[in-house]
N, C-alpha and C. Protein backbone atom coordinates (compact mmCIF):
# COMPACT_ATOMS: atom_id res chain seq x y z
N MET A 1 10.36 -20.94 141.10
CA MET A 1 9.88 -20.08 140.04
C MET A 1 11.03 -19.80 139.08
N PRO A 2 10.84 -20.09 137.77
CA PRO A 2 11.91 -19.85 136.81
C PRO A 2 12.13 -18.36 136.59
N LYS A 3 13.33 -18.03 136.14
CA LYS A 3 13.66 -16.64 135.87
C LYS A 3 13.02 -16.20 134.56
N LEU A 4 12.67 -14.93 134.50
CA LEU A 4 12.11 -14.39 133.27
C LEU A 4 13.22 -14.17 132.24
N PRO A 5 12.99 -14.53 130.99
CA PRO A 5 14.00 -14.31 129.97
C PRO A 5 13.94 -12.87 129.46
N ARG A 6 15.01 -12.41 128.86
CA ARG A 6 15.00 -11.11 128.19
C ARG A 6 14.69 -11.38 126.73
N ILE A 7 13.49 -11.02 126.31
CA ILE A 7 13.03 -11.33 124.97
C ILE A 7 12.55 -10.06 124.28
N PRO A 8 12.45 -10.08 122.94
CA PRO A 8 11.88 -8.93 122.23
C PRO A 8 10.38 -8.82 122.51
N SER A 9 9.86 -7.64 122.36
CA SER A 9 8.43 -7.43 122.64
C SER A 9 7.55 -8.22 121.68
N ARG A 10 8.00 -8.44 120.46
CA ARG A 10 7.21 -9.22 119.49
C ARG A 10 6.99 -10.64 120.00
N ASP A 11 8.01 -11.23 120.64
CA ASP A 11 7.86 -12.58 121.19
C ASP A 11 6.88 -12.57 122.36
N ALA A 12 6.93 -11.52 123.18
CA ALA A 12 6.00 -11.41 124.31
C ALA A 12 4.57 -11.28 123.81
N ILE A 13 4.36 -10.49 122.77
CA ILE A 13 3.02 -10.31 122.20
C ILE A 13 2.52 -11.64 121.64
N ARG A 14 3.37 -12.36 120.93
CA ARG A 14 3.00 -13.65 120.35
C ARG A 14 2.63 -14.64 121.45
N SER A 15 3.40 -14.63 122.53
CA SER A 15 3.12 -15.53 123.65
C SER A 15 1.79 -15.20 124.32
N LEU A 16 1.52 -13.91 124.51
CA LEU A 16 0.25 -13.50 125.11
C LEU A 16 -0.93 -13.87 124.21
N GLU A 17 -0.72 -13.78 122.88
CA GLU A 17 -1.78 -14.19 121.96
C GLU A 17 -2.07 -15.68 122.09
N ARG A 18 -1.05 -16.48 122.32
CA ARG A 18 -1.26 -17.92 122.53
C ARG A 18 -2.04 -18.18 123.81
N LEU A 19 -1.94 -17.26 124.78
CA LEU A 19 -2.66 -17.40 126.05
C LEU A 19 -4.07 -16.82 125.98
N GLY A 20 -4.51 -16.37 124.81
CA GLY A 20 -5.89 -15.90 124.65
C GLY A 20 -6.06 -14.40 124.53
N PHE A 21 -4.99 -13.63 124.60
CA PHE A 21 -5.09 -12.18 124.45
C PHE A 21 -5.13 -11.83 122.98
N GLU A 22 -5.73 -10.70 122.67
CA GLU A 22 -5.71 -10.21 121.29
C GLU A 22 -5.39 -8.72 121.30
N GLN A 23 -4.73 -8.30 120.22
CA GLN A 23 -4.35 -6.90 120.10
C GLN A 23 -5.59 -6.07 119.82
N VAL A 24 -5.81 -5.05 120.65
CA VAL A 24 -6.97 -4.19 120.47
C VAL A 24 -6.57 -2.98 119.62
N ARG A 25 -5.43 -2.38 119.99
CA ARG A 25 -4.95 -1.22 119.23
C ARG A 25 -3.48 -0.99 119.53
N GLN A 26 -2.87 -0.13 118.71
CA GLN A 26 -1.50 0.28 118.95
C GLN A 26 -1.45 1.80 118.88
N THR A 27 -0.91 2.39 119.93
CA THR A 27 -0.75 3.83 119.97
C THR A 27 0.74 4.12 120.09
N GLY A 28 1.34 4.63 119.03
CA GLY A 28 2.78 4.89 119.06
C GLY A 28 3.54 3.59 119.22
N SER A 29 4.34 3.51 120.28
CA SER A 29 5.16 2.32 120.50
C SER A 29 4.60 1.41 121.59
N HIS A 30 3.29 1.45 121.81
CA HIS A 30 2.65 0.61 122.82
C HIS A 30 1.47 -0.14 122.23
N VAL A 31 1.41 -1.45 122.48
CA VAL A 31 0.32 -2.29 122.01
C VAL A 31 -0.60 -2.59 123.20
N VAL A 32 -1.90 -2.37 123.02
CA VAL A 32 -2.88 -2.68 124.06
C VAL A 32 -3.49 -4.03 123.73
N MET A 33 -3.44 -4.95 124.71
CA MET A 33 -3.97 -6.29 124.51
C MET A 33 -5.05 -6.56 125.55
N LYS A 34 -6.09 -7.30 125.15
CA LYS A 34 -7.18 -7.62 126.07
C LYS A 34 -7.59 -9.07 125.92
N LYS A 35 -8.21 -9.57 127.01
CA LYS A 35 -8.71 -10.94 127.03
C LYS A 35 -9.97 -10.95 127.88
N LYS A 36 -10.99 -11.63 127.42
CA LYS A 36 -12.22 -11.75 128.19
C LYS A 36 -12.11 -12.97 129.09
N SER A 37 -12.47 -12.79 130.36
CA SER A 37 -12.45 -13.90 131.32
C SER A 37 -13.77 -13.90 132.08
N GLN A 38 -13.92 -14.85 132.96
CA GLN A 38 -15.16 -14.94 133.73
C GLN A 38 -15.32 -13.76 134.67
N GLU A 39 -14.22 -13.23 135.18
CA GLU A 39 -14.28 -12.09 136.11
C GLU A 39 -14.50 -10.76 135.38
N GLY A 40 -14.30 -10.73 134.09
CA GLY A 40 -14.42 -9.51 133.31
C GLY A 40 -13.33 -9.46 132.25
N GLU A 41 -12.96 -8.25 131.87
CA GLU A 41 -11.94 -8.08 130.84
C GLU A 41 -10.60 -7.82 131.49
N ILE A 42 -9.56 -8.50 131.01
CA ILE A 42 -8.20 -8.30 131.49
C ILE A 42 -7.43 -7.61 130.39
N GLY A 43 -6.72 -6.55 130.74
CA GLY A 43 -5.95 -5.81 129.75
C GLY A 43 -4.52 -5.63 130.18
N CYS A 44 -3.64 -5.48 129.20
CA CYS A 44 -2.24 -5.17 129.49
C CYS A 44 -1.66 -4.37 128.33
N ILE A 45 -0.61 -3.64 128.63
CA ILE A 45 0.04 -2.78 127.64
C ILE A 45 1.47 -3.27 127.47
N VAL A 46 1.87 -3.51 126.21
CA VAL A 46 3.21 -4.00 125.92
C VAL A 46 3.95 -2.94 125.10
N PRO A 47 5.07 -2.41 125.62
CA PRO A 47 5.85 -1.46 124.84
C PRO A 47 6.65 -2.20 123.76
N ILE A 48 6.81 -1.57 122.63
CA ILE A 48 7.57 -2.17 121.53
C ILE A 48 9.04 -1.81 121.72
N HIS A 49 9.83 -2.81 122.11
CA HIS A 49 11.28 -2.63 122.30
C HIS A 49 12.00 -3.83 121.71
N ARG A 50 13.26 -3.65 121.37
CA ARG A 50 14.04 -4.78 120.86
C ARG A 50 14.19 -5.85 121.92
N GLU A 51 14.39 -5.41 123.17
CA GLU A 51 14.52 -6.35 124.27
C GLU A 51 13.83 -5.77 125.49
N LEU A 52 12.86 -6.51 126.03
CA LEU A 52 12.15 -6.06 127.23
C LEU A 52 12.99 -6.38 128.46
N LYS A 53 13.11 -5.42 129.35
CA LYS A 53 13.81 -5.67 130.61
C LYS A 53 12.95 -6.59 131.47
N VAL A 54 13.60 -7.27 132.39
CA VAL A 54 12.92 -8.26 133.23
C VAL A 54 11.83 -7.59 134.06
N GLY A 55 12.09 -6.41 134.60
CA GLY A 55 11.09 -5.71 135.41
C GLY A 55 9.89 -5.29 134.60
N THR A 56 10.12 -4.86 133.36
CA THR A 56 9.02 -4.48 132.47
C THR A 56 8.16 -5.69 132.14
N LEU A 57 8.81 -6.80 131.81
CA LEU A 57 8.08 -8.03 131.49
C LEU A 57 7.29 -8.52 132.70
N SER A 58 7.88 -8.40 133.87
CA SER A 58 7.19 -8.79 135.10
C SER A 58 5.93 -7.95 135.31
N GLY A 59 6.02 -6.65 135.05
CA GLY A 59 4.85 -5.77 135.17
C GLY A 59 3.77 -6.12 134.17
N ILE A 60 4.17 -6.48 132.96
CA ILE A 60 3.21 -6.87 131.93
C ILE A 60 2.46 -8.13 132.38
N LEU A 61 3.19 -9.09 132.93
CA LEU A 61 2.56 -10.34 133.38
C LEU A 61 1.62 -10.11 134.56
N LYS A 62 1.96 -9.17 135.44
CA LYS A 62 1.06 -8.84 136.55
C LYS A 62 -0.22 -8.22 136.04
N GLN A 63 -0.10 -7.31 135.07
CA GLN A 63 -1.30 -6.70 134.47
C GLN A 63 -2.17 -7.77 133.82
N ALA A 64 -1.51 -8.70 133.12
CA ALA A 64 -2.22 -9.74 132.37
C ALA A 64 -2.71 -10.87 133.26
N GLN A 65 -2.30 -10.87 134.53
CA GLN A 65 -2.66 -11.94 135.48
C GLN A 65 -2.23 -13.31 134.96
N VAL A 66 -0.98 -13.36 134.46
CA VAL A 66 -0.40 -14.59 133.92
C VAL A 66 0.80 -14.95 134.79
N THR A 67 0.95 -16.22 135.13
CA THR A 67 2.12 -16.63 135.91
C THR A 67 3.33 -16.77 135.00
N VAL A 68 4.50 -16.74 135.62
CA VAL A 68 5.75 -16.87 134.87
C VAL A 68 5.80 -18.22 134.17
N GLU A 69 5.35 -19.27 134.84
CA GLU A 69 5.36 -20.61 134.27
C GLU A 69 4.48 -20.70 133.02
N GLU A 70 3.26 -20.13 133.11
CA GLU A 70 2.36 -20.14 131.95
C GLU A 70 3.00 -19.38 130.79
N PHE A 71 3.61 -18.25 131.09
CA PHE A 71 4.21 -17.43 130.04
C PHE A 71 5.35 -18.16 129.36
N ILE A 72 6.25 -18.75 130.16
CA ILE A 72 7.40 -19.44 129.58
C ILE A 72 6.96 -20.66 128.77
N ASP A 73 5.94 -21.37 129.23
CA ASP A 73 5.43 -22.52 128.48
C ASP A 73 4.85 -22.11 127.12
N SER A 74 4.33 -20.89 127.02
CA SER A 74 3.72 -20.45 125.77
C SER A 74 4.72 -19.80 124.81
N LEU A 75 5.98 -19.66 125.23
CA LEU A 75 7.00 -19.08 124.34
C LEU A 75 7.33 -20.00 123.19
């Protein structure tokens, strides 16, 4: 499993959009993203930071049900 990069939140949002997520709303410094799947709706929250810590990015990917490989390929 490759290591997660430390990237800005804008890059993470762009990558999630390439994976089928869309921005639903933004409240303060947090963007809510959702994607419709066969099991239902999948949602995740991305904080707006200059650089996301690895643990934060890992939590976002768990919420989004996206593997590290899929995420890195979409960067």
